[in-house]
C-alpha atoms as a PDB file:
ATOM      1  CA  MET A   1      30.929  -7.081  -4.452  1.00  0.00           C
ATOM      2  CA  ALA A   2      27.164  -6.874  -4.007  1.00  0.00           C
ATOM      3  CA  GLN A   3      25.210  -4.817  -6.530  1.00  0.00           C
ATOM      4  CA  THR A   4      23.045  -2.122  -4.914  1.00  0.00           C
ATOM      5  CA  ILE A   5      19.812  -0.985  -6.591  1.00  0.00           C
ATOM      6  CA  GLN A   6      17.551   1.812  -5.430  1.00  0.00           C
ATOM      7  CA  ALA A   7      14.005   0.517  -4.912  1.00  0.00           C
ATOM      8  CA  ARG A   8      12.566   3.185  -7.215  1.00  0.00           C
ATOM      9  CA  ASN A   9      14.686   1.729 -10.042  1.00  0.00           C
ATOM     10  CA  VAL A  10      14.065  -1.969  -9.406  1.00  0.00           C
ATOM     11  CA  ALA A  11      12.225  -3.938 -12.089  1.00  0.00           C
ATOM     12  CA  LEU A  12       9.740  -6.725 -11.542  1.00  0.00           C
ATOM     13  CA  ASN A  13      12.115  -9.015 -13.414  1.00  0.00           C
ATOM     14  CA  ASP A  14      14.817  -8.266 -10.797  1.00  0.00           C
ATOM     15  CA  LEU A  15      12.503  -9.345  -7.970  1.00  0.00           C
ATOM     16  CA  GLU A  16      11.470 -12.507  -9.810  1.00  0.00           C
ATOM     17  CA  ALA A  17      15.044 -13.458 -10.666  1.00  0.00           C
ATOM     18  CA  GLN A  18      16.763 -12.543  -7.411  1.00  0.00           C
ATOM     19  CA  PHE A  19      14.071 -13.069  -4.774  1.00  0.00           C
ATOM     20  CA  LYS A  20      11.887 -15.714  -6.533  1.00  0.00           C
ATOM     21  CA  ILE A  21       8.732 -13.691  -6.016  1.00  0.00           C
ATOM     22  CA  GLU A  22       5.604 -15.066  -7.727  1.00  0.00           C
ATOM     23  CA  TRP A  23       2.289 -13.502  -8.763  1.00  0.00           C
ATOM     24  CA  VAL A  24      -0.731 -15.551  -7.624  1.00  0.00           C
ATOM     25  CA  GLU A  25      -3.943 -15.199  -9.640  1.00  0.00           C
ATOM     26  CA  ASP A  26      -6.047 -17.506  -7.437  1.00  0.00           C
ATOM     27  CA  ASP A  27      -9.061 -15.503  -6.203  1.00  0.00           C
ATOM     28  CA  GLN A  28      -8.895 -17.288  -2.834  1.00  0.00           C
ATOM     29  CA  PHE A  29      -5.362 -16.120  -2.069  1.00  0.00           C
ATOM     30  CA  PHE A  30      -6.354 -12.526  -1.299  1.00  0.00           C
ATOM     31  CA  ARG A  31      -9.839 -12.438   0.183  1.00  0.00           C
ATOM     32  CA  GLU A  32      -9.139  -9.753   2.784  1.00  0.00           C
ATOM     33  CA  TRP A  33     -10.142  -6.932   0.445  1.00  0.00           C
ATOM     34  CA  GLN A  34     -13.545  -8.559  -0.169  1.00  0.00           C
ATOM     35  CA  ASP A  35     -14.703 -10.439   2.941  1.00  0.00           C
ATOM     36  CA  ASP A  36     -16.036  -9.176   6.291  1.00  0.00           C
ATOM     37  CA  LEU A  37     -15.528  -5.505   5.467  1.00  0.00           C
ATOM     38  CA  PRO A  38     -16.730  -3.019   8.099  1.00  0.00           C
ATOM     39  CA  GLU A  39     -19.524  -0.577   7.307  1.00  0.00           C
ATOM     40  CA  ILE A  40     -18.668   3.054   6.604  1.00  0.00           C
ATOM     41  CA  THR A  41     -20.687   5.602   8.598  1.00  0.00           C
ATOM     42  CA  ASP A  42     -22.593   8.487   7.048  1.00  0.00           C
ATOM     43  CA  ALA A  43     -20.148  10.941   8.623  1.00  0.00           C
ATOM     44  CA  GLU A  44     -17.210   9.072   7.065  1.00  0.00           C
ATOM     45  CA  LYS A  45     -18.945   9.083   3.679  1.00  0.00           C
ATOM     46  CA  GLN A  46     -19.427  12.847   3.916  1.00  0.00           C
ATOM     47  CA  ARG A  47     -15.721  13.309   4.698  1.00  0.00           C
ATOM     48  CA  LEU A  48     -14.732  11.089   1.768  1.00  0.00           C
ATOM     49  CA  ASP A  49     -17.077  12.998  -0.533  1.00  0.00           C
ATOM     50  CA  ARG A  50     -15.164  16.159   0.436  1.00  0.00           C
ATOM     51  CA  VAL A  51     -11.874  14.396  -0.310  1.00  0.00           C
ATOM     52  CA  LYS A  52     -13.145  13.461  -3.765  1.00  0.00           C
ATOM     53  CA  ALA A  53     -14.334  17.023  -4.388  1.00  0.00           C
ATOM     54  CA  SER A  54     -10.998  18.426  -3.196  1.00  0.00           C
ATOM     55  CA  TYR A  55      -9.072  16.160  -5.543  1.00  0.00           C
ATOM     56  CA  ARG A  56     -11.289  17.119  -8.488  1.00  0.00           C
ATOM     57  CA  ASN A  57     -10.610  20.779  -7.732  1.00  0.00           C
ATOM     58  CA  LEU A  58      -6.853  20.177  -7.584  1.00  0.00           C
ATOM     59  CA  LEU A  59      -6.902  18.617 -11.044  1.00  0.00           C
ATOM     60  CA  LYS A  60      -7.900  22.017 -12.417  1.00  0.00           C
ATOM     61  CA  HIS A  61      -4.576  23.458 -11.245  1.00  0.00           C
ATOM     62  CA  PRO A  62      -1.706  21.208 -12.404  1.00  0.00           C
ATOM     63  CA  PRO A  63       0.871  19.971 -11.745  1.00  0.00           C
ATOM     64  CA  LEU A  64      -0.448  17.704  -9.002  1.00  0.00           C
ATOM     65  CA  LEU A  65       2.620  16.446  -7.160  1.00  0.00           C
ATOM     66  CA  GLU A  66       3.125  13.451  -4.875  1.00  0.00           C
ATOM     67  CA  ASN A  67       3.195  15.426  -1.626  1.00  0.00           C
ATOM     68  CA  THR A  68      -0.080  17.124  -2.545  1.00  0.00           C
ATOM     69  CA  VAL A  69      -1.686  13.749  -3.259  1.00  0.00           C
ATOM     70  CA  LYS A  70      -0.590  12.484   0.153  1.00  0.00           C
ATOM     71  CA  MET A  71      -1.884  15.588   1.935  1.00  0.00           C
ATOM     72  CA  VAL A  72      -5.269  15.791   0.221  1.00  0.00           C
ATOM     73  CA  VAL A  73      -6.169  12.124  -0.324  1.00  0.00           C
ATOM     74  CA  LEU A  74      -3.983   9.773   1.708  1.00  0.00           C
ATOM     75  CA  SER A  75      -3.888  11.634   5.034  1.00  0.00           C
ATOM     76  CA  PRO A  76      -7.708  11.724   5.447  1.00  0.00           C
ATOM     77  CA  LEU A  77      -7.914   8.003   4.631  1.00  0.00           C
ATOM     78  CA  LEU A  78      -5.312   7.123   7.278  1.00  0.00           C
ATOM     79  CA  ASP A  79      -7.085   9.368   9.782  1.00  0.00           C
ATOM     80  CA  LEU A  80     -10.501   7.803   9.166  1.00  0.00           C
ATOM     81  CA  ALA A  81      -8.954   4.309   9.377  1.00  0.00           C
ATOM     82  CA  ASP A  82      -7.675   5.296  12.878  1.00  0.00           C
ATOM     83  CA  PHE A  83      -4.049   4.608  11.933  1.00  0.00           C
ATOM     84  CA  TYR A  84      -2.959   7.829  13.671  1.00  0.00           C
ATOM     85  CA  LEU A  85      -4.397   6.574  16.981  1.00  0.00           C
ATOM     86  CA  ALA A  86      -3.307   3.868  19.432  1.00  0.00           C
ATOM     87  CA  PRO A  87      -2.755   0.955  19.080  1.00  0.00           C
ATOM     88  CA  PHE A  88      -1.460   2.007  15.640  1.00  0.00           C
ATOM     89  CA  HIS A  89       1.078   4.593  14.626  1.00  0.00           C
ATOM     90  CA  VAL A  90       2.366   5.935  11.338  1.00  0.00           C
ATOM     91  CA  THR A  91       5.869   6.672  10.147  1.00  0.00           C
ATOM     92  CA  SER A  92       7.134   8.083   6.865  1.00  0.00           C
ATOM     93  CA  GLU A  93      10.318   7.927   4.799  1.00  0.00           C
ATOM     94  CA  LYS A  94      11.378   4.713   6.548  1.00  0.00           C
ATOM     95  CA  SER A  95      14.566   3.174   5.176  1.00  0.00           C
ATOM     96  CA  VAL A  96      14.213  -0.397   3.911  1.00  0.00           C
ATOM     97  CA  GLU A  97      16.849  -2.857   2.698  1.00  0.00           C
ATOM     98  CA  ILE A  98      16.496  -6.351   1.264  1.00  0.00           C
ATOM     99  CA  ILE A  99      19.509  -8.537   0.536  1.00  0.00           C
ATOM    100  CA  ASP A 100      19.955 -11.582  -1.686  1.00  0.00           C
ATOM    101  CA  GLU A 101      23.201 -12.942  -0.276  1.00  0.00           C
ATOM    102  CA  ASP A 102      23.457 -15.772  -2.830  1.00  0.00           C
ATOM    103  CA  GLU A 103      23.284 -13.498  -5.853  1.00  0.00           C
ATOM    104  CA  GLY A 104      24.923 -10.464  -4.275  1.00  0.00           C
ATOM    105  CA  MET A 105      22.078  -7.972  -4.730  1.00  0.00           C
ATOM    106  CA  ILE A 106      20.932  -5.297  -2.289  1.00  0.00           C
ATOM    107  CA  VAL A 107      17.764  -3.239  -2.819  1.00  0.00           C
ATOM    108  CA  ARG A 108      17.513  -0.053  -0.772  1.00  0.00           C
ATOM    109  CA  GLY A 109      14.908   2.674  -0.555  1.00  0.00           C
ATOM    110  CA  GLN A 110      12.598   4.768   1.592  1.00  0.00           C
ATOM    111  CA  LEU A 111       8.932   3.863   1.679  1.00  0.00           C
ATOM    112  CA  ASP A 112       6.456   6.724   1.720  1.00  0.00           C
ATOM    113  CA  VAL A 113       4.153   5.784   4.597  1.00  0.00           C
ATOM    114  CA  LEU A 114       4.042   2.816   6.955  1.00  0.00           C
ATOM    115  CA  ALA A 115       1.171   2.102   9.348  1.00  0.00           C
ATOM    116  CA  LEU A 116       2.276  -0.102  12.246  1.00  0.00           C
ATOM    117  CA  PHE A 117       0.735  -2.062  15.101  1.00  0.00           C
ATOM    118  CA  GLN A 118       3.480  -2.489  17.695  1.00  0.00           C
ATOM    119  CA  GLU A 119       6.485  -3.445  15.523  1.00  0.00           C
ATOM    120  CA  PHE A 120       4.382  -5.198  12.901  1.00  0.00           C
ATOM    121  CA  TRP A 121       3.647  -3.617   9.548  1.00  0.00           C
ATOM    122  CA  VAL A 122      -0.075  -3.124   8.962  1.00  0.00           C
ATOM    123  CA  VAL A 123      -0.073  -1.383   5.591  1.00  0.00           C
ATOM    124  CA  VAL A 124       2.799  -0.172   3.421  1.00  0.00           C
ATOM    125  CA  VAL A 125       1.757   2.810   1.289  1.00  0.00           C
ATOM    126  CA  GLU A 126       3.553   3.952  -1.841  1.00  0.00           C
ATOM    127  CA  SER A 127       2.196   7.167  -3.314  1.00  0.00           C
ATOM    128  CA  LYS A 128       2.865   8.471  -6.808  1.00  0.00           C
ATOM    129  CA  LYS A 129       2.018  11.794  -8.390  1.00  0.00           C
ATOM    130  CA  ALA A 130      -1.134  11.925 -10.481  1.00  0.00           C
ATOM    131  CA  ALA A 131       0.695  11.685 -13.810  1.00  0.00           C
ATOM    132  CA  PHE A 132       2.107   8.218 -12.963  1.00  0.00           C
ATOM    133  CA  SER A 133       0.254   4.967 -13.584  1.00  0.00           C
ATOM    134  CA  LEU A 134       0.102   2.516 -10.690  1.00  0.00           C
ATOM    135  CA  GLU A 135       1.994  -0.105 -12.697  1.00  0.00           C
ATOM    136  CA  VAL A 136       5.122   2.043 -12.447  1.00  0.00           C
ATOM    137  CA  GLY A 137       5.145   1.657  -8.656  1.00  0.00           C
ATOM    138  CA  ILE A 138       4.393  -2.070  -8.336  1.00  0.00           C
ATOM    139  CA  PRO A 139       8.032  -3.322  -8.243  1.00  0.00           C
ATOM    140  CA  GLN A 140       8.993  -0.583  -5.780  1.00  0.00           C
ATOM    141  CA  LEU A 141       6.114  -1.404  -3.423  1.00  0.00           C
ATOM    142  CA  LEU A 142       6.838  -5.153  -3.592  1.00  0.00           C
ATOM    143  CA  ALA A 143      10.497  -4.512  -2.794  1.00  0.00           C
ATOM    144  CA  TYR A 144       9.487  -2.602   0.337  1.00  0.00           C
ATOM    145  CA  MET A 145       7.039  -5.315   1.344  1.00  0.00           C
ATOM    146  CA  LEU A 146       9.786  -7.936   1.029  1.00  0.00           C
ATOM    147  CA  GLY A 147      11.672  -5.961   3.672  1.00  0.00           C
ATOM    148  CA  SER A 148       8.841  -6.205   6.221  1.00  0.00           C
ATOM    149  CA  VAL A 149       9.326  -7.649   9.715  1.00  0.00           C
ATOM    150  CA  THR A 150       6.032  -9.542   9.835  1.00  0.00           C
ATOM    151  CA  GLY A 151       7.687 -12.970   9.596  1.00  0.00           C
ATOM    152  CA  ASP A 152       5.318 -15.591   8.170  1.00  0.00           C
ATOM    153  CA  ARG A 153       2.267 -13.330   8.463  1.00  0.00           C
ATOM    154  CA  PRO A 154       1.010 -11.545   5.332  1.00  0.00           C
ATOM    155  CA  THR A 155       2.094  -8.001   4.550  1.00  0.00           C
ATOM    156  CA  TYR A 156      -0.365  -5.636   2.882  1.00  0.00           C
ATOM    157  CA  GLY A 157       0.359  -2.683   0.665  1.00  0.00           C
ATOM    158  CA  LEU A 158      -1.542   0.176  -0.941  1.00  0.00           C
ATOM    159  CA  LEU A 159      -0.381   1.786  -4.156  1.00  0.00           C
ATOM    160  CA  MET A 160      -2.046   5.074  -5.074  1.00  0.00           C
ATOM    161  CA  ASN A 161      -1.653   8.115  -7.303  1.00  0.00           C
ATOM    162  CA  GLY A 162      -4.579  10.213  -6.106  1.00  0.00           C
ATOM    163  CA  ALA A 163      -7.284   8.799  -8.375  1.00  0.00           C
ATOM    164  CA  ASP A 164      -6.289   5.105  -8.589  1.00  0.00           C
ATOM    165  CA  PHE A 165      -5.861   2.693  -5.669  1.00  0.00           C
ATOM    166  CA  LEU A 166      -4.568  -0.882  -5.679  1.00  0.00           C
ATOM    167  CA  PHE A 167      -4.141  -3.174  -2.663  1.00  0.00           C
ATOM    168  CA  VAL A 168      -1.407  -5.814  -2.611  1.00  0.00           C
ATOM    169  CA  LYS A 169      -0.921  -8.864  -0.400  1.00  0.00           C
ATOM    170  CA  LEU A 170       2.483 -10.521   0.025  1.00  0.00           C
ATOM    171  CA  VAL A 171       3.120 -13.776   1.847  1.00  0.00           C
ATOM    172  CA  LYS A 172       6.751 -14.543   2.504  1.00  0.00           C
ATOM    173  CA  GLY A 173       8.248 -17.992   2.586  1.00  0.00           C
ATOM    174  CA  GLU A 174      10.690 -20.004   0.571  1.00  0.00           C
ATOM    175  CA  THR A 175       8.839 -18.601  -2.449  1.00  0.00           C
ATOM    176  CA  PRO A 176       7.271 -15.193  -1.730  1.00  0.00           C
ATOM    177  CA  GLN A 177       3.835 -14.868  -3.331  1.00  0.00           C
ATOM    178  CA  TYR A 178       1.746 -11.792  -4.005  1.00  0.00           C
ATOM    179  CA  ALA A 179      -1.662 -10.861  -5.386  1.00  0.00           C
ATOM    180  CA  PHE A 180      -3.690  -7.752  -6.186  1.00  0.00           C
ATOM    181  CA  SER A 181      -7.144  -6.453  -5.377  1.00  0.00           C
ATOM    182  CA  ARG A 182      -9.154  -4.911  -8.151  1.00  0.00           C
ATOM    183  CA  LYS A 183      -8.229  -1.325  -8.975  1.00  0.00           C
ATOM    184  CA  PHE A 184     -10.351   1.371  -7.339  1.00  0.00           C
ATOM    185  CA  TYR A 185     -10.860   4.602  -9.282  1.00  0.00           C
ATOM    186  CA  LEU A 186     -11.943   7.869  -7.740  1.00  0.00           C
ATOM    187  CA  PHE A 187     -14.075   8.844 -10.739  1.00  0.00           C
ATOM    188  CA  ASN A 188     -16.111   5.677 -10.993  1.00  0.00           C
ATOM    189  CA  PRO A 189     -19.835   6.268 -10.340  1.00  0.00           C
ATOM    190  CA  GLY A 190     -20.390   6.769  -6.625  1.00  0.00           C
ATOM    191  CA  ASN A 191     -17.268   7.059  -4.508  1.00  0.00           C
ATOM    192  CA  ASP A 192     -14.707   4.226  -4.500  1.00  0.00           C
ATOM    193  CA  LEU A 193     -13.024   5.855  -1.495  1.00  0.00           C
ATOM    194  CA  TYR A 194     -15.753   4.213   0.604  1.00  0.00           C
ATOM    195  CA  SER A 195     -14.355   0.798  -0.383  1.00  0.00           C
ATOM    196  CA  VAL A 196     -10.735   1.898   0.068  1.00  0.00           C
ATOM    197  CA  LEU A 197     -11.445   3.067   3.619  1.00  0.00           C
ATOM    198  CA  SER A 198     -13.396  -0.086   4.457  1.00  0.00           C
ATOM    199  CA  ILE A 199     -10.482  -2.256   3.325  1.00  0.00           C
ATOM    200  CA  LEU A 200      -7.973  -0.208   5.308  1.00  0.00           C
ATOM    201  CA  LYS A 201     -10.129  -0.644   8.410  1.00  0.00           C
ATOM    202  CA  ARG A 202     -10.338  -4.398   7.769  1.00  0.00           C
ATOM    203  CA  LEU A 203      -6.573  -4.746   7.432  1.00  0.00           C
ATOM    204  CA  GLY A 204      -6.158  -2.917  10.729  1.00  0.00           C
ATOM    205  CA  GLU A 205      -8.613  -5.290  12.408  1.00  0.00           C
ATOM    206  CA  LEU A 206      -6.774  -8.313  11.066  1.00  0.00           C
ATOM    207  CA  ASN A 207      -3.440  -7.199  12.477  1.00  0.00           C
ATOM    208  CA  VAL A 208      -4.842  -6.392  15.915  1.00  0.00           C
ATOM    209  CA  GLY A 209      -6.801  -9.661  15.991  1.00  0.00           C
ATOM    210  CA  ASN A 210      -3.805 -11.760  14.978  1.00  0.00           C
ATOM    211  CA  LEU A 211      -1.675 -10.328  17.755  1.00  0.00           C
ATOM    212  CA  ALA A 212      -4.296 -10.001  20.480  1.00  0.00           C
END
């Protein structure tokens, strides 16, 4: 009988052993978070400065829970990236299942937010409450990305906890491979949300361009 694991409980070792997933450290594998990024307008920067200020204010009144993080930080980013408008749309709490028939393992879960273009996944978002480090969510996000319907095209993910942001690229195949962007931190000098938004916009452009 197949063993069923909830995605929130899956370990990176499980994904490596059962689904042969590999971490790629080649800088050329994931260039999308660095190359040809769109400019952010002054109006968008002002909105993101308000998001940063709002998050700083929330930190004064703990606990800061996952739903609050999504409302205050993630929702404005998705709005500014135009993922709420056609040709994109957003869904939440989508059920995902990946199956390793040879080894008899099933991983099930519900991803937090999914931005789609037609039926193709643009960005998978996994949000954690502020007290969690991003590393805790990496296996869970990768498990969801393995369940994508993008075929041979890359799938992109964003892991966030309010202050930290990490982009992930996964390319399926006989051996699924993944890589990370650098980590963006809300309290670095300036405002790293500018870069996060620019990357989200770029990933949206890539999906529309590939399917145009």
